[in-house]
């Protein structure tokens, strides 16, 4: 099967595309079926002892404040209000857990970087988040969201270094690609891919998405469905 990458919704494939197509279609269908399931809020944890019990495999979503985490989760699940969307950085101030069809737990993490909240609160939820990322045995992958208009920032690199040190698998997901022209977007993807090659815990595929236009959403669903309990 040929290697492929997804850049802004355009799939680049190796010469054996005909062999890869059926497997890709099956993966996309598996993702569609999974994210068509009922998705229910389970718990919100603002402290370590409030984390829900270990159970389903988990996929977490992290990124700088206002990167579009809640919007992307809503787009993935097809529900406009599952995760609260806000233009105020730092709105998500706890770890929010959502049960997707009894097969996968989605975890919306507080944003890092700039946030309009008291320093004591920021320190508290940052500590809970780091503890979760370093020690949650059911966490299968962290989706590290990066605003495609800006590329990687120092705070993103700090998180990547921490994940590398704990061998926690993570995958970069670009957001808001509908707001970037194809040329600059391709440059961002190339630069980020080269940087990722130096990070042992990073998944090699970058998925470019737009919660507003739907670009890349099906590809991300397919990638996450591979981590869920089989149906």
C-alpha atoms as a PDB file:
ATOM      1  CA  UNK A   1       0.000   0.000   0.000  1.00  0.00           C
ATOM      2  CA  UNK A   2       1.422   3.381  -0.941  1.00  0.00           C
ATOM      3  CA  UNK A   3       2.281   6.093   1.516  1.00  0.00           C
ATOM      4  CA  UNK A   4       0.020   9.111   1.499  1.00  0.00           C
ATOM      5  CA  UNK A   5      -0.474  12.415   3.231  1.00  0.00           C
ATOM      6  CA  UNK A   6      -3.369  14.807   3.488  1.00  0.00           C
ATOM      7  CA  UNK A   7      -2.682  18.484   2.820  1.00  0.00           C
ATOM      8  CA  UNK A   8      -5.672  20.817   2.872  1.00  0.00           C
ATOM      9  CA  UNK A   9      -8.053  18.052   1.831  1.00  0.00           C
ATOM     10  CA  UNK A  10      -5.918  17.002  -1.135  1.00  0.00           C
ATOM     11  CA  UNK A  11      -4.542  13.457  -0.922  1.00  0.00           C
ATOM     12  CA  UNK A  12      -1.055  12.759  -2.255  1.00  0.00           C
ATOM     13  CA  UNK A  13      -0.557   9.080  -3.060  1.00  0.00           C
ATOM     14  CA  UNK A  14       2.200   6.795  -4.266  1.00  0.00           C
ATOM     15  CA  UNK A  15       1.923   5.055  -7.671  1.00  0.00           C
ATOM     16  CA  UNK A  16      -0.029   2.049  -6.309  1.00  0.00           C
ATOM     17  CA  UNK A  17      -3.077   4.232  -5.678  1.00  0.00           C
ATOM     18  CA  UNK A  18      -5.463   1.601  -7.064  1.00  0.00           C
ATOM     19  CA  UNK A  19      -4.385  -0.841  -4.351  1.00  0.00           C
ATOM     20  CA  UNK A  20      -4.666   1.792  -1.613  1.00  0.00           C
ATOM     21  CA  UNK A  21      -8.113   3.069  -2.645  1.00  0.00           C
ATOM     22  CA  UNK A  22     -10.246   0.186  -1.251  1.00  0.00           C
ATOM     23  CA  UNK A  23      -8.469   0.296   2.102  1.00  0.00           C
ATOM     24  CA  UNK A  24      -8.835   4.082   2.247  1.00  0.00           C
ATOM     25  CA  UNK A  25     -12.517   3.865   1.421  1.00  0.00           C
ATOM     26  CA  UNK A  26     -13.008   1.247   4.134  1.00  0.00           C
ATOM     27  CA  UNK A  27     -11.229   3.468   6.668  1.00  0.00           C
ATOM     28  CA  UNK A  28     -13.338   6.481   5.722  1.00  0.00           C
ATOM     29  CA  UNK A  29     -16.518   4.417   6.063  1.00  0.00           C
ATOM     30  CA  UNK A  30     -15.394   3.116   9.458  1.00  0.00           C
ATOM     31  CA  UNK A  31     -14.837   6.695  10.560  1.00  0.00           C
ATOM     32  CA  UNK A  32     -18.225   7.784   9.262  1.00  0.00           C
ATOM     33  CA  UNK A  33     -19.987   4.959  11.119  1.00  0.00           C
ATOM     34  CA  UNK A  34     -18.168   5.617  14.382  1.00  0.00           C
ATOM     35  CA  UNK A  35     -18.858   9.341  14.454  1.00  0.00           C
ATOM     36  CA  UNK A  36     -22.501   8.797  13.496  1.00  0.00           C
ATOM     37  CA  UNK A  37     -22.957   7.115  16.894  1.00  0.00           C
ATOM     38  CA  UNK A  38     -24.470   8.861  19.885  1.00  0.00           C
ATOM     39  CA  UNK A  39     -21.943  11.045  21.715  1.00  0.00           C
ATOM     40  CA  UNK A  40     -22.648  11.934  25.329  1.00  0.00           C
ATOM     41  CA  UNK A  41     -20.921  14.151  27.864  1.00  0.00           C
ATOM     42  CA  UNK A  42     -19.558  11.952  30.670  1.00  0.00           C
ATOM     43  CA  UNK A  43     -17.585  14.163  33.037  1.00  0.00           C
ATOM     44  CA  UNK A  44     -15.693  17.393  33.485  1.00  0.00           C
ATOM     45  CA  UNK A  45     -12.513  17.211  35.551  1.00  0.00           C
ATOM     46  CA  UNK A  46     -10.862  20.299  36.992  1.00  0.00           C
ATOM     47  CA  UNK A  47      -8.797  18.289  39.500  1.00  0.00           C
ATOM     48  CA  UNK A  48      -6.808  15.054  39.369  1.00  0.00           C
ATOM     49  CA  UNK A  49      -9.204  13.202  41.645  1.00  0.00           C
ATOM     50  CA  UNK A  50     -12.142  14.160  39.411  1.00  0.00           C
ATOM     51  CA  UNK A  51     -10.884  12.244  36.364  1.00  0.00           C
ATOM     52  CA  UNK A  52     -13.365   9.508  35.356  1.00  0.00           C
ATOM     53  CA  UNK A  53     -12.385   5.853  35.880  1.00  0.00           C
ATOM     54  CA  UNK A  54     -10.205   4.074  33.322  1.00  0.00           C
ATOM     55  CA  UNK A  55     -12.358   2.483  30.640  1.00  0.00           C
ATOM     56  CA  UNK A  56     -12.660   3.130  26.914  1.00  0.00           C
ATOM     57  CA  UNK A  57      -9.665   4.006  24.737  1.00  0.00           C
ATOM     58  CA  UNK A  58      -9.274   7.777  24.719  1.00  0.00           C
ATOM     59  CA  UNK A  59      -8.323  10.380  22.140  1.00  0.00           C
ATOM     60  CA  UNK A  60      -7.587  13.859  23.481  1.00  0.00           C
ATOM     61  CA  UNK A  61      -7.583  17.216  21.705  1.00  0.00           C
ATOM     62  CA  UNK A  62      -5.089  19.877  22.760  1.00  0.00           C
ATOM     63  CA  UNK A  63      -3.858  23.155  21.352  1.00  0.00           C
ATOM     64  CA  UNK A  64      -3.280  26.825  22.017  1.00  0.00           C
ATOM     65  CA  UNK A  65      -6.200  28.813  23.350  1.00  0.00           C
ATOM     66  CA  UNK A  66      -8.690  29.624  20.573  1.00  0.00           C
ATOM     67  CA  UNK A  67      -7.142  27.146  18.095  1.00  0.00           C
ATOM     68  CA  UNK A  68     -10.585  25.699  17.356  1.00  0.00           C
ATOM     69  CA  UNK A  69     -10.708  22.533  19.469  1.00  0.00           C
ATOM     70  CA  UNK A  70     -14.385  22.728  20.352  1.00  0.00           C
ATOM     71  CA  UNK A  71     -15.364  23.616  16.785  1.00  0.00           C
ATOM     72  CA  UNK A  72     -13.457  20.623  15.434  1.00  0.00           C
ATOM     73  CA  UNK A  73     -14.986  18.214  17.970  1.00  0.00           C
ATOM     74  CA  UNK A  74     -18.424  19.494  17.006  1.00  0.00           C
ATOM     75  CA  UNK A  75     -17.611  19.015  13.306  1.00  0.00           C
ATOM     76  CA  UNK A  76     -16.318  15.479  13.887  1.00  0.00           C
ATOM     77  CA  UNK A  77     -19.465  14.427  15.743  1.00  0.00           C
ATOM     78  CA  UNK A  78     -21.878  16.402  13.582  1.00  0.00           C
ATOM     79  CA  UNK A  79     -23.245  18.207  16.648  1.00  0.00           C
ATOM     80  CA  UNK A  80     -23.106  21.978  16.788  1.00  0.00           C
ATOM     81  CA  UNK A  81     -23.209  22.327  20.559  1.00  0.00           C
ATOM     82  CA  UNK A  82     -21.531  19.178  21.926  1.00  0.00           C
ATOM     83  CA  UNK A  83     -18.427  21.135  22.898  1.00  0.00           C
ATOM     84  CA  UNK A  84     -18.842  24.780  23.788  1.00  0.00           C
ATOM     85  CA  UNK A  85     -17.445  27.166  21.172  1.00  0.00           C
ATOM     86  CA  UNK A  86     -16.130  30.521  22.316  1.00  0.00           C
ATOM     87  CA  UNK A  87     -14.052  33.363  20.909  1.00  0.00           C
ATOM     88  CA  UNK A  88     -12.713  33.997  24.414  1.00  0.00           C
ATOM     89  CA  UNK A  89      -9.316  32.315  24.932  1.00  0.00           C
ATOM     90  CA  UNK A  90      -9.292  30.029  27.948  1.00  0.00           C
ATOM     91  CA  UNK A  91     -13.017  29.258  27.927  1.00  0.00           C
ATOM     92  CA  UNK A  92     -12.433  25.516  28.391  1.00  0.00           C
ATOM     93  CA  UNK A  93     -11.135  25.310  31.952  1.00  0.00           C
ATOM     94  CA  UNK A  94     -11.465  21.579  32.641  1.00  0.00           C
ATOM     95  CA  UNK A  95     -10.961  18.244  30.905  1.00  0.00           C
ATOM     96  CA  UNK A  96     -14.271  17.338  29.262  1.00  0.00           C
ATOM     97  CA  UNK A  97     -14.946  13.653  28.497  1.00  0.00           C
ATOM     98  CA  UNK A  98     -17.416  12.485  25.812  1.00  0.00           C
ATOM     99  CA  UNK A  99     -18.420   8.844  25.235  1.00  0.00           C
ATOM    100  CA  UNK A 100     -18.684   8.128  21.505  1.00  0.00           C
ATOM    101  CA  UNK A 101     -20.935   5.134  20.939  1.00  0.00           C
ATOM    102  CA  UNK A 102     -19.379   3.143  23.786  1.00  0.00           C
ATOM    103  CA  UNK A 103     -16.295   2.649  21.599  1.00  0.00           C
ATOM    104  CA  UNK A 104     -14.110   5.715  22.104  1.00  0.00           C
ATOM    105  CA  UNK A 105     -13.778   8.537  24.644  1.00  0.00           C
ATOM    106  CA  UNK A 106     -13.125  12.024  23.255  1.00  0.00           C
ATOM    107  CA  UNK A 107     -11.371  14.391  25.651  1.00  0.00           C
ATOM    108  CA  UNK A 108     -11.440  18.156  25.152  1.00  0.00           C
ATOM    109  CA  UNK A 109      -8.453  19.609  27.027  1.00  0.00           C
ATOM    110  CA  UNK A 110      -8.059  23.221  28.222  1.00  0.00           C
ATOM    111  CA  UNK A 111      -6.136  25.404  25.803  1.00  0.00           C
ATOM    112  CA  UNK A 112      -2.581  26.427  26.584  1.00  0.00           C
ATOM    113  CA  UNK A 113      -0.910  29.749  25.894  1.00  0.00           C
ATOM    114  CA  UNK A 114      -2.845  32.983  26.322  1.00  0.00           C
ATOM    115  CA  UNK A 115      -6.040  32.679  28.346  1.00  0.00           C
ATOM    116  CA  UNK A 116      -8.336  35.166  30.052  1.00  0.00           C
ATOM    117  CA  UNK A 117      -8.412  33.568  33.471  1.00  0.00           C
ATOM    118  CA  UNK A 118      -6.785  33.980  36.859  1.00  0.00           C
ATOM    119  CA  UNK A 119      -3.189  32.757  37.007  1.00  0.00           C
ATOM    120  CA  UNK A 120      -4.061  30.408  39.848  1.00  0.00           C
ATOM    121  CA  UNK A 121      -6.809  28.791  37.752  1.00  0.00           C
ATOM    122  CA  UNK A 122      -4.508  28.472  34.733  1.00  0.00           C
ATOM    123  CA  UNK A 123      -1.839  26.818  36.907  1.00  0.00           C
ATOM    124  CA  UNK A 124      -4.424  24.431  38.340  1.00  0.00           C
ATOM    125  CA  UNK A 125      -5.888  23.191  35.063  1.00  0.00           C
ATOM    126  CA  UNK A 126      -2.445  23.083  33.428  1.00  0.00           C
ATOM    127  CA  UNK A 127      -1.270  20.769  36.210  1.00  0.00           C
ATOM    128  CA  UNK A 128      -4.274  18.476  35.797  1.00  0.00           C
ATOM    129  CA  UNK A 129      -3.776  18.368  32.027  1.00  0.00           C
ATOM    130  CA  UNK A 130      -0.072  17.533  32.289  1.00  0.00           C
ATOM    131  CA  UNK A 131      -0.792  14.817  34.850  1.00  0.00           C
ATOM    132  CA  UNK A 132      -3.414  13.351  32.517  1.00  0.00           C
ATOM    133  CA  UNK A 133      -1.110  13.398  29.489  1.00  0.00           C
ATOM    134  CA  UNK A 134       1.790  11.817  31.373  1.00  0.00           C
ATOM    135  CA  UNK A 135      -0.082   9.062  33.161  1.00  0.00           C
ATOM    136  CA  UNK A 136      -3.345   8.054  31.500  1.00  0.00           C
ATOM    137  CA  UNK A 137      -2.925   4.429  30.330  1.00  0.00           C
ATOM    138  CA  UNK A 138      -6.012   4.481  28.087  1.00  0.00           C
ATOM    139  CA  UNK A 139      -4.904   7.576  26.140  1.00  0.00           C
ATOM    140  CA  UNK A 140      -4.253   6.198  22.666  1.00  0.00           C
ATOM    141  CA  UNK A 141      -3.405   9.452  20.914  1.00  0.00           C
ATOM    142  CA  UNK A 142      -3.301  13.187  21.446  1.00  0.00           C
ATOM    143  CA  UNK A 143      -4.490  15.308  18.542  1.00  0.00           C
ATOM    144  CA  UNK A 144      -2.296  18.399  18.778  1.00  0.00           C
ATOM    145  CA  UNK A 145      -4.176  21.180  17.017  1.00  0.00           C
ATOM    146  CA  UNK A 146      -2.182  23.947  15.337  1.00  0.00           C
ATOM    147  CA  UNK A 147      -3.671  27.054  13.722  1.00  0.00           C
ATOM    148  CA  UNK A 148      -2.714  26.793  10.056  1.00  0.00           C
ATOM    149  CA  UNK A 149      -2.493  30.592   9.781  1.00  0.00           C
ATOM    150  CA  UNK A 150       0.416  30.723  12.228  1.00  0.00           C
ATOM    151  CA  UNK A 151       2.149  27.332  12.250  1.00  0.00           C
ATOM    152  CA  UNK A 152       4.020  25.969  15.257  1.00  0.00           C
ATOM    153  CA  UNK A 153       4.619  28.278  18.212  1.00  0.00           C
ATOM    154  CA  UNK A 154       6.985  27.942  21.159  1.00  0.00           C
ATOM    155  CA  UNK A 155       4.178  26.657  23.390  1.00  0.00           C
ATOM    156  CA  UNK A 156       3.365  23.933  20.839  1.00  0.00           C
ATOM    157  CA  UNK A 157       6.997  22.855  20.815  1.00  0.00           C
ATOM    158  CA  UNK A 158       7.039  22.730  24.613  1.00  0.00           C
ATOM    159  CA  UNK A 159       4.080  20.343  24.575  1.00  0.00           C
ATOM    160  CA  UNK A 160       5.701  18.231  21.849  1.00  0.00           C
ATOM    161  CA  UNK A 161       8.905  17.944  23.887  1.00  0.00           C
ATOM    162  CA  UNK A 162       6.926  16.865  26.951  1.00  0.00           C
ATOM    163  CA  UNK A 163       5.029  14.232  24.921  1.00  0.00           C
ATOM    164  CA  UNK A 164       8.274  12.936  23.422  1.00  0.00           C
ATOM    165  CA  UNK A 165       9.748  12.579  26.920  1.00  0.00           C
ATOM    166  CA  UNK A 166       6.794  10.455  28.065  1.00  0.00           C
ATOM    167  CA  UNK A 167       6.478   8.527  24.772  1.00  0.00           C
ATOM    168  CA  UNK A 168       2.865   9.687  24.406  1.00  0.00           C
ATOM    169  CA  UNK A 169       1.745   9.348  20.778  1.00  0.00           C
ATOM    170  CA  UNK A 170       0.471  12.555  19.207  1.00  0.00           C
ATOM    171  CA  UNK A 171      -0.674  13.676  15.764  1.00  0.00           C
ATOM    172  CA  UNK A 172      -0.648  17.203  14.413  1.00  0.00           C
ATOM    173  CA  UNK A 173      -3.963  18.486  13.088  1.00  0.00           C
ATOM    174  CA  UNK A 174      -4.003  21.832  11.311  1.00  0.00           C
ATOM    175  CA  UNK A 175      -7.138  23.908  11.859  1.00  0.00           C
ATOM    176  CA  UNK A 176      -8.813  26.759   9.928  1.00  0.00           C
ATOM    177  CA  UNK A 177      -7.217  25.772   6.604  1.00  0.00           C
ATOM    178  CA  UNK A 178     -10.055  27.493   4.747  1.00  0.00           C
ATOM    179  CA  UNK A 179      -8.473  30.775   5.860  1.00  0.00           C
ATOM    180  CA  UNK A 180      -5.076  30.047   4.266  1.00  0.00           C
ATOM    181  CA  UNK A 181      -4.200  30.100   0.587  1.00  0.00           C
ATOM    182  CA  UNK A 182      -2.908  26.804  -0.910  1.00  0.00           C
ATOM    183  CA  UNK A 183       0.660  28.042  -1.370  1.00  0.00           C
ATOM    184  CA  UNK A 184       1.311  29.159   2.217  1.00  0.00           C
ATOM    185  CA  UNK A 185      -0.578  26.109   3.519  1.00  0.00           C
ATOM    186  CA  UNK A 186       1.682  23.756   1.559  1.00  0.00           C
ATOM    187  CA  UNK A 187       4.735  25.590   2.915  1.00  0.00           C
ATOM    188  CA  UNK A 188       3.460  25.205   6.480  1.00  0.00           C
ATOM    189  CA  UNK A 189       2.840  21.480   5.935  1.00  0.00           C
ATOM    190  CA  UNK A 190       6.311  20.934   4.494  1.00  0.00           C
ATOM    191  CA  UNK A 191       8.044  22.815   7.302  1.00  0.00           C
ATOM    192  CA  UNK A 192       6.024  21.100  10.032  1.00  0.00           C
ATOM    193  CA  UNK A 193       6.576  17.652   8.500  1.00  0.00           C
ATOM    194  CA  UNK A 194      10.336  18.233   8.475  1.00  0.00           C
ATOM    195  CA  UNK A 195      10.217  19.281  12.119  1.00  0.00           C
ATOM    196  CA  UNK A 196       8.040  16.329  13.118  1.00  0.00           C
ATOM    197  CA  UNK A 197      10.617  13.909  11.721  1.00  0.00           C
ATOM    198  CA  UNK A 198      12.825  14.863  14.676  1.00  0.00           C
ATOM    199  CA  UNK A 199      10.149  13.981  17.260  1.00  0.00           C
ATOM    200  CA  UNK A 200       9.977  10.271  18.155  1.00  0.00           C
ATOM    201  CA  UNK A 201       6.414  10.328  19.562  1.00  0.00           C
ATOM    202  CA  UNK A 202       4.891  12.230  16.631  1.00  0.00           C
ATOM    203  CA  UNK A 203       2.662  10.482  14.101  1.00  0.00           C
ATOM    204  CA  UNK A 204       4.086  11.185  10.627  1.00  0.00           C
ATOM    205  CA  UNK A 205       0.777  12.176   8.996  1.00  0.00           C
ATOM    206  CA  UNK A 206      -0.451  15.757   9.302  1.00  0.00           C
ATOM    207  CA  UNK A 207      -4.186  16.189   8.796  1.00  0.00           C
ATOM    208  CA  UNK A 208      -5.336  19.588   7.561  1.00  0.00           C
ATOM    209  CA  UNK A 209      -8.877  20.481   8.581  1.00  0.00           C
ATOM    210  CA  UNK A 210     -11.531  23.150   8.587  1.00  0.00           C
ATOM    211  CA  UNK A 211     -14.461  22.838  10.970  1.00  0.00           C
ATOM    212  CA  UNK A 212     -16.323  25.408   8.897  1.00  0.00           C
ATOM    213  CA  UNK A 213     -15.899  23.893   5.414  1.00  0.00           C
ATOM    214  CA  UNK A 214     -15.496  20.243   6.482  1.00  0.00           C
ATOM    215  CA  UNK A 215     -12.135  19.813   4.765  1.00  0.00           C
ATOM    216  CA  UNK A 216     -10.164  16.951   6.301  1.00  0.00           C
ATOM    217  CA  UNK A 217     -12.886  16.010   8.805  1.00  0.00           C
ATOM    218  CA  UNK A 218     -13.529  12.624   7.180  1.00  0.00           C
ATOM    219  CA  UNK A 219      -9.791  11.873   7.158  1.00  0.00           C
ATOM    220  CA  UNK A 220      -9.505  12.645  10.860  1.00  0.00           C
ATOM    221  CA  UNK A 221     -12.562  10.502  11.629  1.00  0.00           C
ATOM    222  CA  UNK A 222     -10.909   7.609   9.781  1.00  0.00           C
ATOM    223  CA  UNK A 223      -7.632   8.020  11.680  1.00  0.00           C
ATOM    224  CA  UNK A 224      -9.412   8.042  15.050  1.00  0.00           C
ATOM    225  CA  UNK A 225     -11.722   5.139  14.218  1.00  0.00           C
ATOM    226  CA  UNK A 226      -8.622   2.933  13.950  1.00  0.00           C
ATOM    227  CA  UNK A 227      -8.033   3.577  17.678  1.00  0.00           C
ATOM    228  CA  UNK A 228     -11.571   2.741  18.842  1.00  0.00           C
ATOM    229  CA  UNK A 229     -12.990  -0.541  20.099  1.00  0.00           C
ATOM    230  CA  UNK A 230     -13.999  -2.476  16.936  1.00  0.00           C
ATOM    231  CA  UNK A 231     -17.697  -2.493  16.123  1.00  0.00           C
END
